[in-house]
PDB file of N, CA and C in Angstrom:
ATOM      1  N   MET A   1      19.524   8.578 -18.668  1.00  0.00           N
ATOM      2  CA  MET A   1      18.705   8.082 -17.645  1.00  0.00           C
ATOM      3  C   MET A   1      18.161   8.561 -16.440  1.00  0.00           C
ATOM      4  N   THR A   2      19.649   8.366 -15.872  1.00  0.00           N
ATOM      5  CA  THR A   2      19.514   8.369 -14.654  1.00  0.00           C
ATOM      6  C   THR A   2      18.913   9.901 -14.002  1.00  0.00           C
ATOM      7  N   VAL A   3      19.472  11.029 -14.390  1.00  0.00           N
ATOM      8  CA  VAL A   3      18.787  12.078 -14.463  1.00  0.00           C
ATOM      9  C   VAL A   3      17.721  12.193 -14.328  1.00  0.00           C
ATOM     10  N   SER A   4      17.004  11.158 -15.846  1.00  0.00           N
ATOM     11  CA  SER A   4      15.592  11.592 -16.243  1.00  0.00           C
ATOM     12  C   SER A   4      14.878  11.215 -14.556  1.00  0.00           C
ATOM     13  N   LEU A   5      15.479  10.198 -14.556  1.00  0.00           N
ATOM     14  CA  LEU A   5      14.783   9.316 -13.439  1.00  0.00           C
ATOM     15  C   LEU A   5      14.427   9.923 -12.282  1.00  0.00           C
ATOM     16  N   ASP A   6      16.038  10.981 -11.698  1.00  0.00           N
ATOM     17  CA  ASP A   6      15.628  11.293 -10.682  1.00  0.00           C
ATOM     18  C   ASP A   6      14.709  12.428 -10.930  1.00  0.00           C
ATOM     19  N   HIS A   7      14.640  13.475 -11.562  1.00  0.00           N
ATOM     20  CA  HIS A   7      13.425  14.161 -11.666  1.00  0.00           C
ATOM     21  C   HIS A   7      12.392  13.536 -11.753  1.00  0.00           C
ATOM     22  N   THR A   8      12.108  12.165 -12.224  1.00  0.00           N
ATOM     23  CA  THR A   8      10.714  11.751 -12.402  1.00  0.00           C
ATOM     24  C   THR A   8      10.438  11.413 -10.956  1.00  0.00           C
ATOM     25  N   PHE A   9      11.409  10.902 -10.147  1.00  0.00           N
ATOM     26  CA  PHE A   9      11.074  10.215  -9.332  1.00  0.00           C
ATOM     27  C   PHE A   9      10.681  11.574  -7.927  1.00  0.00           C
ATOM     28  N   ALA A  10      11.620  12.463  -7.850  1.00  0.00           N
ATOM     29  CA  ALA A  10      11.218  13.595  -7.114  1.00  0.00           C
ATOM     30  C   ALA A  10      10.139  14.181  -7.587  1.00  0.00           C
ATOM     31  N   ALA A  11       9.449  14.345  -8.755  1.00  0.00           N
ATOM     32  CA  ALA A  11       7.858  14.777  -9.218  1.00  0.00           C
ATOM     33  C   ALA A  11       6.975  14.148  -8.697  1.00  0.00           C
ATOM     34  N   LEU A  12       7.201  12.781  -8.179  1.00  0.00           N
ATOM     35  CA  LEU A  12       6.428  11.403  -8.266  1.00  0.00           C
ATOM     36  C   LEU A  12       6.342  11.449  -6.411  1.00  0.00           C
ATOM     37  N   ALA A  13       6.986  12.201  -5.839  1.00  0.00           N
ATOM     38  CA  ALA A  13       7.183  11.945  -4.314  1.00  0.00           C
ATOM     39  C   ALA A  13       6.407  12.467  -3.506  1.00  0.00           C
ATOM     40  N   ASP A  14       5.345  13.794  -4.118  1.00  0.00           N
ATOM     41  CA  ASP A  14       4.172  14.260  -3.676  1.00  0.00           C
ATOM     42  C   ASP A  14       3.116  13.588  -3.964  1.00  0.00           C
ATOM     43  N   PRO A  15       2.560  13.733  -2.950  1.00  0.00           N
ATOM     44  CA  PRO A  15       0.978  12.889  -2.894  1.00  0.00           C
ATOM     45  C   PRO A  15      -0.286  13.682  -4.118  1.00  0.00           C
ATOM     46  N   THR A  16       0.250  14.956  -3.461  1.00  0.00           N
ATOM     47  CA  THR A  16      -0.763  15.888  -4.724  1.00  0.00           C
ATOM     48  C   THR A  16      -0.687  15.854  -5.687  1.00  0.00           C
ATOM     49  N   ARG A  17       0.484  15.405  -6.437  1.00  0.00           N
ATOM     50  CA  ARG A  17       1.458  15.389  -7.835  1.00  0.00           C
ATOM     51  C   ARG A  17       0.866  13.941  -8.359  1.00  0.00           C
ATOM     52  N   ARG A  18       0.874  13.299  -7.629  1.00  0.00           N
ATOM     53  CA  ARG A  18       0.654  11.965  -8.287  1.00  0.00           C
ATOM     54  C   ARG A  18      -0.688  12.352  -8.587  1.00  0.00           C
ATOM     55  N   ALA A  19      -2.167  12.699  -7.566  1.00  0.00           N
ATOM     56  CA  ALA A  19      -3.003  12.565  -6.977  1.00  0.00           C
ATOM     57  C   ALA A  19      -3.268  13.275  -8.821  1.00  0.00           C
ATOM     58  N   ILE A  20      -2.454  14.529  -9.163  1.00  0.00           N
ATOM     59  CA  ILE A  20      -2.885  15.537 -10.657  1.00  0.00           C
ATOM     60  C   ILE A  20      -3.184  14.384 -11.921  1.00  0.00           C
ATOM     61  N   LEU A  21      -1.776  13.780 -11.819  1.00  0.00           N
ATOM     62  CA  LEU A  21      -1.509  12.569 -12.559  1.00  0.00           C
ATOM     63  C   LEU A  21      -2.311  11.661 -12.737  1.00  0.00           C
ATOM     64  N   ALA A  22      -3.056  11.240 -11.588  1.00  0.00           N
ATOM     65  CA  ALA A  22      -3.905   9.862 -11.574  1.00  0.00           C
ATOM     66  C   ALA A  22      -5.506  10.430 -12.566  1.00  0.00           C
ATOM     67  N   ARG A  23      -5.703  11.763 -11.941  1.00  0.00           N
ATOM     68  CA  ARG A  23      -6.980  12.815 -12.864  1.00  0.00           C
ATOM     69  C   ARG A  23      -6.453  12.887 -14.157  1.00  0.00           C
ATOM     70  N   LEU A  24      -5.209  13.090 -14.428  1.00  0.00           N
ATOM     71  CA  LEU A  24      -4.977  13.471 -16.006  1.00  0.00           C
ATOM     72  C   LEU A  24      -5.175  12.001 -16.851  1.00  0.00           C
ATOM     73  N   LEU A  25      -5.308  11.255 -15.988  1.00  0.00           N
ATOM     74  CA  LEU A  25      -5.564   9.804 -16.850  1.00  0.00           C
ATOM     75  C   LEU A  25      -6.929   9.477 -17.662  1.00  0.00           C
ATOM     76  N   ASP A  26      -7.602  10.421 -17.103  1.00  0.00           N
ATOM     77  CA  ASP A  26      -9.098  11.005 -17.405  1.00  0.00           C
ATOM     78  C   ASP A  26      -9.408  11.524 -18.713  1.00  0.00           C
ATOM     79  N   GLY A  27      -8.406  12.367 -18.518  1.00  0.00           N
ATOM     80  CA  GLY A  27      -8.173  13.460 -19.793  1.00  0.00           C
ATOM     81  C   GLY A  27      -7.500  14.828 -19.709  1.00  0.00           C
ATOM     82  N   GLU A  28      -7.296  15.665 -20.733  1.00  0.00           N
ATOM     83  CA  GLU A  28      -6.697  16.889 -20.079  1.00  0.00           C
ATOM     84  C   GLU A  28      -7.612  17.536 -19.541  1.00  0.00           C
ATOM     85  N   ALA A  29      -6.800  18.902 -18.521  1.00  0.00           N
ATOM     86  CA  ALA A  29      -7.450  19.103 -17.695  1.00  0.00           C
ATOM     87  C   ALA A  29      -6.888  21.005 -17.892  1.00  0.00           C
ATOM     88  N   SER A  30      -7.282  21.490 -17.192  1.00  0.00           N
ATOM     89  CA  SER A  30      -7.202  23.233 -16.896  1.00  0.00           C
ATOM     90  C   SER A  30      -6.382  23.030 -15.495  1.00  0.00           C
ATOM     91  N   VAL A  31      -5.578  23.936 -14.734  1.00  0.00           N
ATOM     92  CA  VAL A  31      -5.454  23.857 -13.479  1.00  0.00           C
ATOM     93  C   VAL A  31      -6.339  24.084 -12.578  1.00  0.00           C
ATOM     94  N   ALA A  32      -7.268  25.103 -13.448  1.00  0.00           N
ATOM     95  CA  ALA A  32      -8.320  25.337 -11.725  1.00  0.00           C
ATOM     96  C   ALA A  32      -9.550  24.090 -12.261  1.00  0.00           C
ATOM     97  N   GLU A  33      -9.877  23.200 -13.502  1.00  0.00           N
ATOM     98  CA  GLU A  33     -10.428  22.052 -12.955  1.00  0.00           C
ATOM     99  C   GLU A  33      -9.323  21.008 -12.266  1.00  0.00           C
ATOM    100  N   LEU A  34      -8.445  20.801 -12.110  1.00  0.00           N
ATOM    101  CA  LEU A  34      -7.235  20.042 -11.370  1.00  0.00           C
ATOM    102  C   LEU A  34      -7.324  20.249  -9.899  1.00  0.00           C
ATOM    103  N   ALA A  35      -7.505  21.655  -9.659  1.00  0.00           N
ATOM    104  CA  ALA A  35      -7.518  22.379  -8.337  1.00  0.00           C
ATOM    105  C   ALA A  35      -8.814  22.006  -7.710  1.00  0.00           C
ATOM    106  N   GLN A  36      -9.715  21.839  -8.289  1.00  0.00           N
ATOM    107  CA  GLN A  36     -10.964  21.527  -7.691  1.00  0.00           C
ATOM    108  C   GLN A  36     -11.209  20.489  -6.635  1.00  0.00           C
ATOM    109  N   PRO A  37     -10.226  19.403  -6.591  1.00  0.00           N
ATOM    110  CA  PRO A  37     -10.636  18.248  -5.307  1.00  0.00           C
ATOM    111  C   PRO A  37      -9.660  18.734  -4.068  1.00  0.00           C
ATOM    112  N   PHE A  38      -9.120  19.559  -4.401  1.00  0.00           N
ATOM    113  CA  PHE A  38      -7.680  19.960  -3.410  1.00  0.00           C
ATOM    114  C   PHE A  38      -8.314  21.169  -2.563  1.00  0.00           C
ATOM    115  N   ALA A  39      -7.474  21.117  -1.455  1.00  0.00           N
ATOM    116  CA  ALA A  39      -7.859  22.638  -0.267  1.00  0.00           C
ATOM    117  C   ALA A  39      -6.458  23.193  -0.668  1.00  0.00           C
ATOM    118  N   LEU A  40      -6.207  23.770  -2.035  1.00  0.00           N
ATOM    119  CA  LEU A  40      -5.183  24.015  -2.539  1.00  0.00           C
ATOM    120  C   LEU A  40      -5.660  25.370  -3.548  1.00  0.00           C
ATOM    121  N   THR A  41      -4.989  26.278  -3.370  1.00  0.00           N
ATOM    122  CA  THR A  41      -5.361  27.523  -4.146  1.00  0.00           C
ATOM    123  C   THR A  41      -4.694  26.813  -5.963  1.00  0.00           C
ATOM    124  N   VAL A  42      -5.376  27.863  -6.882  1.00  0.00           N
ATOM    125  CA  VAL A  42      -5.143  27.198  -8.585  1.00  0.00           C
ATOM    126  C   VAL A  42      -3.792  27.605  -8.336  1.00  0.00           C
ATOM    127  N   ARG A  43      -3.033  28.487  -7.633  1.00  0.00           N
ATOM    128  CA  ARG A  43      -1.916  29.292  -8.134  1.00  0.00           C
ATOM    129  C   ARG A  43      -0.599  27.879  -7.578  1.00  0.00           C
ATOM    130  N   ALA A  44      -1.425  27.117  -6.400  1.00  0.00           N
ATOM    131  CA  ALA A  44      -0.180  26.518  -5.630  1.00  0.00           C
ATOM    132  C   ALA A  44      -0.174  25.074  -6.698  1.00  0.00           C
ATOM    133  N   VAL A  45      -1.476  24.620  -7.239  1.00  0.00           N
ATOM    134  CA  VAL A  45      -2.009  23.700  -7.914  1.00  0.00           C
ATOM    135  C   VAL A  45      -0.879  23.726  -9.140  1.00  0.00           C
ATOM    136  N   SER A  46      -0.588  24.898  -9.682  1.00  0.00           N
ATOM    137  CA  SER A  46      -0.216  25.454 -11.013  1.00  0.00           C
ATOM    138  C   SER A  46       1.205  25.231 -11.092  1.00  0.00           C
ATOM    139  N   LYS A  47       1.844  25.536  -9.419  1.00  0.00           N
ATOM    140  CA  LYS A  47       3.311  25.344  -9.277  1.00  0.00           C
ATOM    141  C   LYS A  47       3.434  23.382  -9.250  1.00  0.00           C
ATOM    142  N   HIS A  48       2.444  23.106  -8.626  1.00  0.00           N
ATOM    143  CA  HIS A  48       2.387  21.304  -9.060  1.00  0.00           C
ATOM    144  C   HIS A  48       2.668  20.892 -10.438  1.00  0.00           C
ATOM    145  N   VAL A  49       1.802  21.074 -11.148  1.00  0.00           N
ATOM    146  CA  VAL A  49       1.861  20.839 -12.339  1.00  0.00           C
ATOM    147  C   VAL A  49       3.096  21.314 -13.038  1.00  0.00           C
ATOM    148  N   GLY A  50       3.549  22.848 -12.678  1.00  0.00           N
ATOM    149  CA  GLY A  50       5.320  22.888 -13.474  1.00  0.00           C
ATOM    150  C   GLY A  50       5.961  21.602 -12.925  1.00  0.00           C
ATOM    151  N   VAL A  51       6.015  21.542 -11.532  1.00  0.00           N
ATOM    152  CA  VAL A  51       7.141  20.454 -11.277  1.00  0.00           C
ATOM    153  C   VAL A  51       6.886  19.408 -12.391  1.00  0.00           C
ATOM    154  N   LEU A  52       5.926  18.897 -12.464  1.00  0.00           N
ATOM    155  CA  LEU A  52       5.166  17.941 -12.943  1.00  0.00           C
ATOM    156  C   LEU A  52       5.830  18.381 -14.709  1.00  0.00           C
ATOM    157  N   GLU A  53       5.164  19.044 -15.554  1.00  0.00           N
ATOM    158  CA  GLU A  53       5.962  19.363 -16.325  1.00  0.00           C
ATOM    159  C   GLU A  53       7.791  19.385 -16.748  1.00  0.00           C
ATOM    160  N   GLN A  54       8.456  20.194 -15.466  1.00  0.00           N
ATOM    161  CA  GLN A  54       9.993  20.375 -15.583  1.00  0.00           C
ATOM    162  C   GLN A  54      10.049  18.639 -15.575  1.00  0.00           C
ATOM    163  N   ALA A  55       9.444  17.589 -15.415  1.00  0.00           N
ATOM    164  CA  ALA A  55       9.779  16.620 -15.153  1.00  0.00           C
ATOM    165  C   ALA A  55       9.631  15.759 -16.446  1.00  0.00           C
ATOM    166  N   GLY A  56       8.858  15.599 -17.235  1.00  0.00           N
ATOM    167  CA  GLY A  56       8.526  15.346 -18.130  1.00  0.00           C
ATOM    168  C   GLY A  56       7.149  14.431 -18.252  1.00  0.00           C
ATOM    169  N   LEU A  57       6.387  14.906 -17.424  1.00  0.00           N
ATOM    170  CA  LEU A  57       5.388  13.730 -16.904  1.00  0.00           C
ATOM    171  C   LEU A  57       3.718  14.748 -17.318  1.00  0.00           C
ATOM    172  N   VAL A  58       3.971  15.896 -17.686  1.00  0.00           N
ATOM    173  CA  VAL A  58       2.924  16.792 -18.206  1.00  0.00           C
ATOM    174  C   VAL A  58       3.351  17.635 -19.181  1.00  0.00           C
ATOM    175  N   THR A  59       2.383  17.708 -20.284  1.00  0.00           N
ATOM    176  CA  THR A  59       2.681  19.187 -21.174  1.00  0.00           C
ATOM    177  C   THR A  59       1.281  19.685 -21.254  1.00  0.00           C
ATOM    178  N   ARG A  60       1.524  20.983 -21.164  1.00  0.00           N
ATOM    179  CA  ARG A  60       0.468  22.092 -21.408  1.00  0.00           C
ATOM    180  C   ARG A  60       0.193  22.423 -22.735  1.00  0.00           C
ATOM    181  N   SER A  61      -1.021  22.143 -23.150  1.00  0.00           N
ATOM    182  CA  SER A  61      -1.173  23.404 -24.569  1.00  0.00           C
ATOM    183  C   SER A  61      -2.566  24.194 -24.635  1.00  0.00           C
ATOM    184  N   ARG A  62      -2.343  25.082 -25.512  1.00  0.00           N
ATOM    185  CA  ARG A  62      -3.572  25.721 -25.527  1.00  0.00           C
ATOM    186  C   ARG A  62      -4.676  25.597 -26.226  1.00  0.00           C
ATOM    187  N   ALA A  63      -6.182  25.686 -25.572  1.00  0.00           N
ATOM    188  CA  ALA A  63      -7.169  25.373 -26.313  1.00  0.00           C
ATOM    189  C   ALA A  63      -8.151  26.842 -26.503  1.00  0.00           C
ATOM    190  N   ALA A  64      -7.983  27.576 -27.010  1.00  0.00           N
ATOM    191  CA  ALA A  64      -8.743  28.668 -26.977  1.00  0.00           C
ATOM    192  C   ALA A  64      -8.140  29.704 -25.492  1.00  0.00           C
ATOM    193  N   GLN A  65      -8.863  29.733 -24.246  1.00  0.00           N
ATOM    194  CA  GLN A  65      -8.289  30.791 -23.440  1.00  0.00           C
ATOM    195  C   GLN A  65      -8.399  29.518 -22.737  1.00  0.00           C
ATOM    196  N   LYS A  66      -7.976  28.587 -22.657  1.00  0.00           N
ATOM    197  CA  LYS A  66      -7.542  27.374 -21.520  1.00  0.00           C
ATOM    198  C   LYS A  66      -6.465  27.022 -21.802  1.00  0.00           C
ATOM    199  N   ARG A  67      -5.251  26.552 -20.496  1.00  0.00           N
ATOM    200  CA  ARG A  67      -4.076  26.440 -21.276  1.00  0.00           C
ATOM    201  C   ARG A  67      -4.312  24.538 -20.278  1.00  0.00           C
ATOM    202  N   LEU A  68      -4.487  23.673 -21.434  1.00  0.00           N
ATOM    203  CA  LEU A  68      -4.766  22.290 -20.881  1.00  0.00           C
ATOM    204  C   LEU A  68      -3.411  21.945 -20.658  1.00  0.00           C
ATOM    205  N   SER A  69      -3.087  20.535 -19.105  1.00  0.00           N
ATOM    206  CA  SER A  69      -2.780  19.648 -19.356  1.00  0.00           C
ATOM    207  C   SER A  69      -2.910  18.244 -19.715  1.00  0.00           C
ATOM    208  N   ARG A  70      -1.442  17.177 -20.203  1.00  0.00           N
ATOM    209  CA  ARG A  70      -1.987  16.392 -20.426  1.00  0.00           C
ATOM    210  C   ARG A  70      -0.620  15.367 -19.827  1.00  0.00           C
ATOM    211  N   ILE A  71      -0.780  14.019 -19.660  1.00  0.00           N
ATOM    212  CA  ILE A  71       0.109  13.214 -19.033  1.00  0.00           C
ATOM    213  C   ILE A  71       0.900  12.751 -20.262  1.00  0.00           C
ATOM    214  N   GLU A  72       2.096  12.281 -20.081  1.00  0.00           N
ATOM    215  CA  GLU A  72       3.289  11.969 -21.056  1.00  0.00           C
ATOM    216  C   GLU A  72       3.585  10.541 -20.259  1.00  0.00           C
ATOM    217  N   ILE A  73       3.614   9.846 -20.856  1.00  0.00           N
ATOM    218  CA  ILE A  73       3.599   8.241 -20.903  1.00  0.00           C
ATOM    219  C   ILE A  73       5.431   8.195 -20.120  1.00  0.00           C
ATOM    220  N   LYS A  74       5.996   8.559 -21.575  1.00  0.00           N
ATOM    221  CA  LYS A  74       7.275   8.139 -21.493  1.00  0.00           C
ATOM    222  C   LYS A  74       8.096   8.451 -19.949  1.00  0.00           C
ATOM    223  N   PRO A  75       8.271   8.883 -19.629  1.00  0.00           N
ATOM    224  CA  PRO A  75       8.590   8.889 -18.376  1.00  0.00           C
ATOM    225  C   PRO A  75       8.377   7.611 -17.463  1.00  0.00           C
ATOM    226  N   LEU A  76       7.160   7.522 -17.328  1.00  0.00           N
ATOM    227  CA  LEU A  76       6.309   6.395 -16.544  1.00  0.00           C
ATOM    228  C   LEU A  76       7.209   5.167 -17.386  1.00  0.00           C
ATOM    229  N   ARG A  77       7.171   4.921 -18.934  1.00  0.00           N
ATOM    230  CA  ARG A  77       8.077   3.393 -19.277  1.00  0.00           C
ATOM    231  C   ARG A  77       8.934   3.417 -18.778  1.00  0.00           C
ATOM    232  N   ASP A  78       9.869   4.844 -18.909  1.00  0.00           N
ATOM    233  CA  ASP A  78      10.975   4.501 -18.444  1.00  0.00           C
ATOM    234  C   ASP A  78      11.262   3.876 -16.993  1.00  0.00           C
ATOM    235  N   ILE A  79      10.556   4.611 -15.530  1.00  0.00           N
ATOM    236  CA  ILE A  79      10.824   3.830 -14.699  1.00  0.00           C
ATOM    237  C   ILE A  79       9.918   2.251 -14.772  1.00  0.00           C
ATOM    238  N   ASP A  80       9.351   2.110 -15.635  1.00  0.00           N
ATOM    239  CA  ASP A  80       8.872   0.436 -15.534  1.00  0.00           C
ATOM    240  C   ASP A  80       9.986  -0.437 -15.912  1.00  0.00           C
ATOM    241  N   ARG A  81      10.647   0.555 -17.378  1.00  0.00           N
ATOM    242  CA  ARG A  81      11.994  -0.638 -17.589  1.00  0.00           C
ATOM    243  C   ARG A  81      12.652  -0.309 -16.896  1.00  0.00           C
ATOM    244  N   TRP A  82      13.378   0.373 -15.759  1.00  0.00           N
ATOM    245  CA  TRP A  82      13.897   0.438 -14.771  1.00  0.00           C
ATOM    246  C   TRP A  82      13.748  -0.418 -13.365  1.00  0.00           C
ATOM    247  N   LEU A  83      12.206  -0.664 -13.046  1.00  0.00           N
ATOM    248  CA  LEU A  83      11.384  -1.541 -11.945  1.00  0.00           C
ATOM    249  C   LEU A  83      11.886  -3.053 -12.920  1.00  0.00           C
ATOM    250  N   ALA A  84      12.107  -3.301 -14.103  1.00  0.00           N
ATOM    251  CA  ALA A  84      11.882  -4.732 -14.414  1.00  0.00           C
ATOM    252  C   ALA A  84      12.881  -5.670 -14.043  1.00  0.00           C
ATOM    253  N   ASP A  85      13.993  -5.230 -13.830  1.00  0.00           N
ATOM    254  CA  ASP A  85      15.122  -6.092 -12.958  1.00  0.00           C
ATOM    255  C   ASP A  85      14.797  -6.219 -11.692  1.00  0.00           C
ATOM    256  N   TYR A  86      14.145  -5.332 -10.901  1.00  0.00           N
ATOM    257  CA  TYR A  86      13.777  -6.065  -9.640  1.00  0.00           C
ATOM    258  C   TYR A  86      12.467  -6.782  -9.792  1.00  0.00           C
ATOM    259  N   ARG A  87      11.721  -6.453 -10.485  1.00  0.00           N
ATOM    260  CA  ARG A  87      10.054  -6.930 -10.757  1.00  0.00           C
ATOM    261  C   ARG A  87      11.218  -8.530 -10.997  1.00  0.00           C
ATOM    262  N   ARG A  88      11.853  -8.956 -11.907  1.00  0.00           N
ATOM    263  CA  ARG A  88      12.301 -10.210 -12.424  1.00  0.00           C
ATOM    264  C   ARG A  88      12.943 -10.957 -10.965  1.00  0.00           C
ATOM    265  N   LEU A  89      13.884 -10.029 -10.676  1.00  0.00           N
ATOM    266  CA  LEU A  89      14.626 -10.586  -9.076  1.00  0.00           C
ATOM    267  C   LEU A  89      13.535 -11.110  -8.392  1.00  0.00           C
ATOM    268  N   TRP A  90      12.213 -10.502  -7.671  1.00  0.00           N
ATOM    269  CA  TRP A  90      11.119 -10.574  -6.955  1.00  0.00           C
ATOM    270  C   TRP A  90      10.687 -11.976  -7.578  1.00  0.00           C
ATOM    271  N   GLU A  91      10.180 -11.740  -8.792  1.00  0.00           N
ATOM    272  CA  GLU A  91       9.227 -12.846  -9.706  1.00  0.00           C
ATOM    273  C   GLU A  91      10.126 -14.444  -9.464  1.00  0.00           C
ATOM    274  N   GLU A  92      11.502 -14.138  -9.240  1.00  0.00           N
ATOM    275  CA  GLU A  92      12.632 -15.621  -9.346  1.00  0.00           C
ATOM    276  C   GLU A  92      12.550 -15.602  -7.887  1.00  0.00           C
ATOM    277  N   ARG A  93      12.208 -15.504  -7.043  1.00  0.00           N
ATOM    278  CA  ARG A  93      12.399 -15.409  -5.566  1.00  0.00           C
ATOM    279  C   ARG A  93      11.498 -16.065  -5.205  1.00  0.00           C
ATOM    280  N   PHE A  94       9.967 -15.338  -5.934  1.00  0.00           N
ATOM    281  CA  PHE A  94       8.577 -16.027  -5.433  1.00  0.00           C
ATOM    282  C   PHE A  94       8.568 -17.782  -6.455  1.00  0.00           C
ATOM    283  N   ASP A  95       9.006 -17.815  -7.420  1.00  0.00           N
ATOM    284  CA  ASP A  95       9.067 -18.706  -8.085  1.00  0.00           C
ATOM    285  C   ASP A  95       9.786 -20.029  -7.151  1.00  0.00           C
ATOM    286  N   ARG A  96      11.163 -19.658  -6.457  1.00  0.00           N
ATOM    287  CA  ARG A  96      11.758 -20.655  -5.990  1.00  0.00           C
ATOM    288  C   ARG A  96      11.116 -20.468  -4.288  1.00  0.00           C
ATOM    289  N   MET A  97      10.626 -19.667  -4.068  1.00  0.00           N
ATOM    290  CA  MET A  97       9.517 -20.162  -2.804  1.00  0.00           C
ATOM    291  C   MET A  97       8.472 -21.096  -2.958  1.00  0.00           C
ATOM    292  N   GLU A  98       7.968 -20.977  -4.257  1.00  0.00           N
ATOM    293  CA  GLU A  98       6.747 -22.062  -4.208  1.00  0.00           C
ATOM    294  C   GLU A  98       7.176 -22.994  -4.594  1.00  0.00           C
ATOM    295  N   ASP A  99       8.267 -23.756  -5.892  1.00  0.00           N
ATOM    296  CA  ASP A  99       9.050 -24.968  -5.586  1.00  0.00           C
ATOM    297  C   ASP A  99       9.104 -25.136  -4.005  1.00  0.00           C
ATOM    298  N   LEU A 100       9.675 -24.604  -3.596  1.00  0.00           N
ATOM    299  CA  LEU A 100      10.189 -24.953  -1.594  1.00  0.00           C
ATOM    300  C   LEU A 100       8.975 -25.537  -1.363  1.00  0.00           C
ATOM    301  N   LEU A 101       8.149 -24.907  -1.529  1.00  0.00           N
ATOM    302  CA  LEU A 101       6.912 -25.293  -0.365  1.00  0.00           C
ATOM    303  C   LEU A 101       6.486 -25.993  -1.248  1.00  0.00           C
ATOM    304  N   ARG A 102       6.394 -26.636  -2.621  1.00  0.00           N
ATOM    305  CA  ARG A 102       5.547 -27.671  -3.286  1.00  0.00           C
ATOM    306  C   ARG A 102       6.073 -28.734  -3.084  1.00  0.00           C
ATOM    307  N   ARG A 103       7.694 -28.870  -3.020  1.00  0.00           N
ATOM    308  CA  ARG A 103       8.495 -30.248  -2.778  1.00  0.00           C
ATOM    309  C   ARG A 103       8.288 -30.349  -0.840  1.00  0.00           C
ATOM    310  N   GLU A 104       8.474 -29.562  -0.147  1.00  0.00           N
ATOM    311  CA  GLU A 104       8.085 -30.153   1.288  1.00  0.00           C
ATOM    312  C   GLU A 104       6.824 -30.819   1.457  1.00  0.00           C
ATOM    313  N   GLN A 105       6.046 -29.992   0.551  1.00  0.00           N
ATOM    314  CA  GLN A 105       4.380 -30.529   0.436  1.00  0.00           C
ATOM    315  C   GLN A 105       4.094 -31.911  -0.207  1.00  0.00           C
ATOM    316  N   ALA A 106       5.207 -32.276  -1.074  1.00  0.00           N
ATOM    317  CA  ALA A 106       4.787 -33.385  -1.422  1.00  0.00           C
ATOM    318  C   ALA A 106       5.570 -34.545  -0.615  1.00  0.00           C
ATOM    319  N   GLU A 107       6.667 -33.831   0.155  1.00  0.00           N
ATOM    320  CA  GLU A 107       7.618 -34.966   0.529  1.00  0.00           C
ATOM    321  C   GLU A 107       6.876 -35.011   2.073  1.00  0.00           C
ATOM    322  N   GLY A 108       5.538 -34.119   2.666  1.00  0.00           N
ATOM    323  CA  GLY A 108       4.963 -34.305   3.798  1.00  0.00           C
ATOM    324  C   GLY A 108       3.774 -35.318   3.544  1.00  0.00           C
ATOM    325  N   MET A 109       3.655 -35.463   2.097  1.00  0.00           N
ATOM    326  CA  MET A 109       2.669 -36.421   1.782  1.00  0.00           C
ATOM    327  C   MET A 109       3.161 -37.905   2.124  1.00  0.00           C
ATOM    328  N   GLY A 110       4.470 -38.121   1.781  1.00  0.00           N
ATOM    329  CA  GLY A 110       4.883 -39.376   1.717  1.00  0.00           C
ATOM    330  C   GLY A 110       5.142 -40.003   2.667  1.00  0.00           C
ATOM    331  N   GLU A 111       4.653 -39.151   3.637  1.00  0.00           N
ATOM    332  CA  GLU A 111       5.605 -39.601   5.124  1.00  0.00           C
ATOM    333  C   GLU A 111       4.340 -40.950   6.152  1.00  0.00           C
TER     334      GLU A 111
END
């Protein structure tokens, strides 16, 4: 899973690719449609989509004369699983801090 995480994070490191994925949350799109909001050529956006495809974040299919790109969830689930331990760590720390603050407040009220 580490190699796939490396590819996923590398693909997500670019803001254009993250924006492309965000657009694909709304549904399939052609590269020309994906290129519309960017000051990039269709060819440049196609390269970005290719990087996302290599990382498993996007798949492409044909519909008539169009090649449509679609977001794939599995690599994002892998990231979520990887982050779960860190999320749990921070939640435990925040819970301990909340307990400490409550105890201090209770002690302050008793004075």
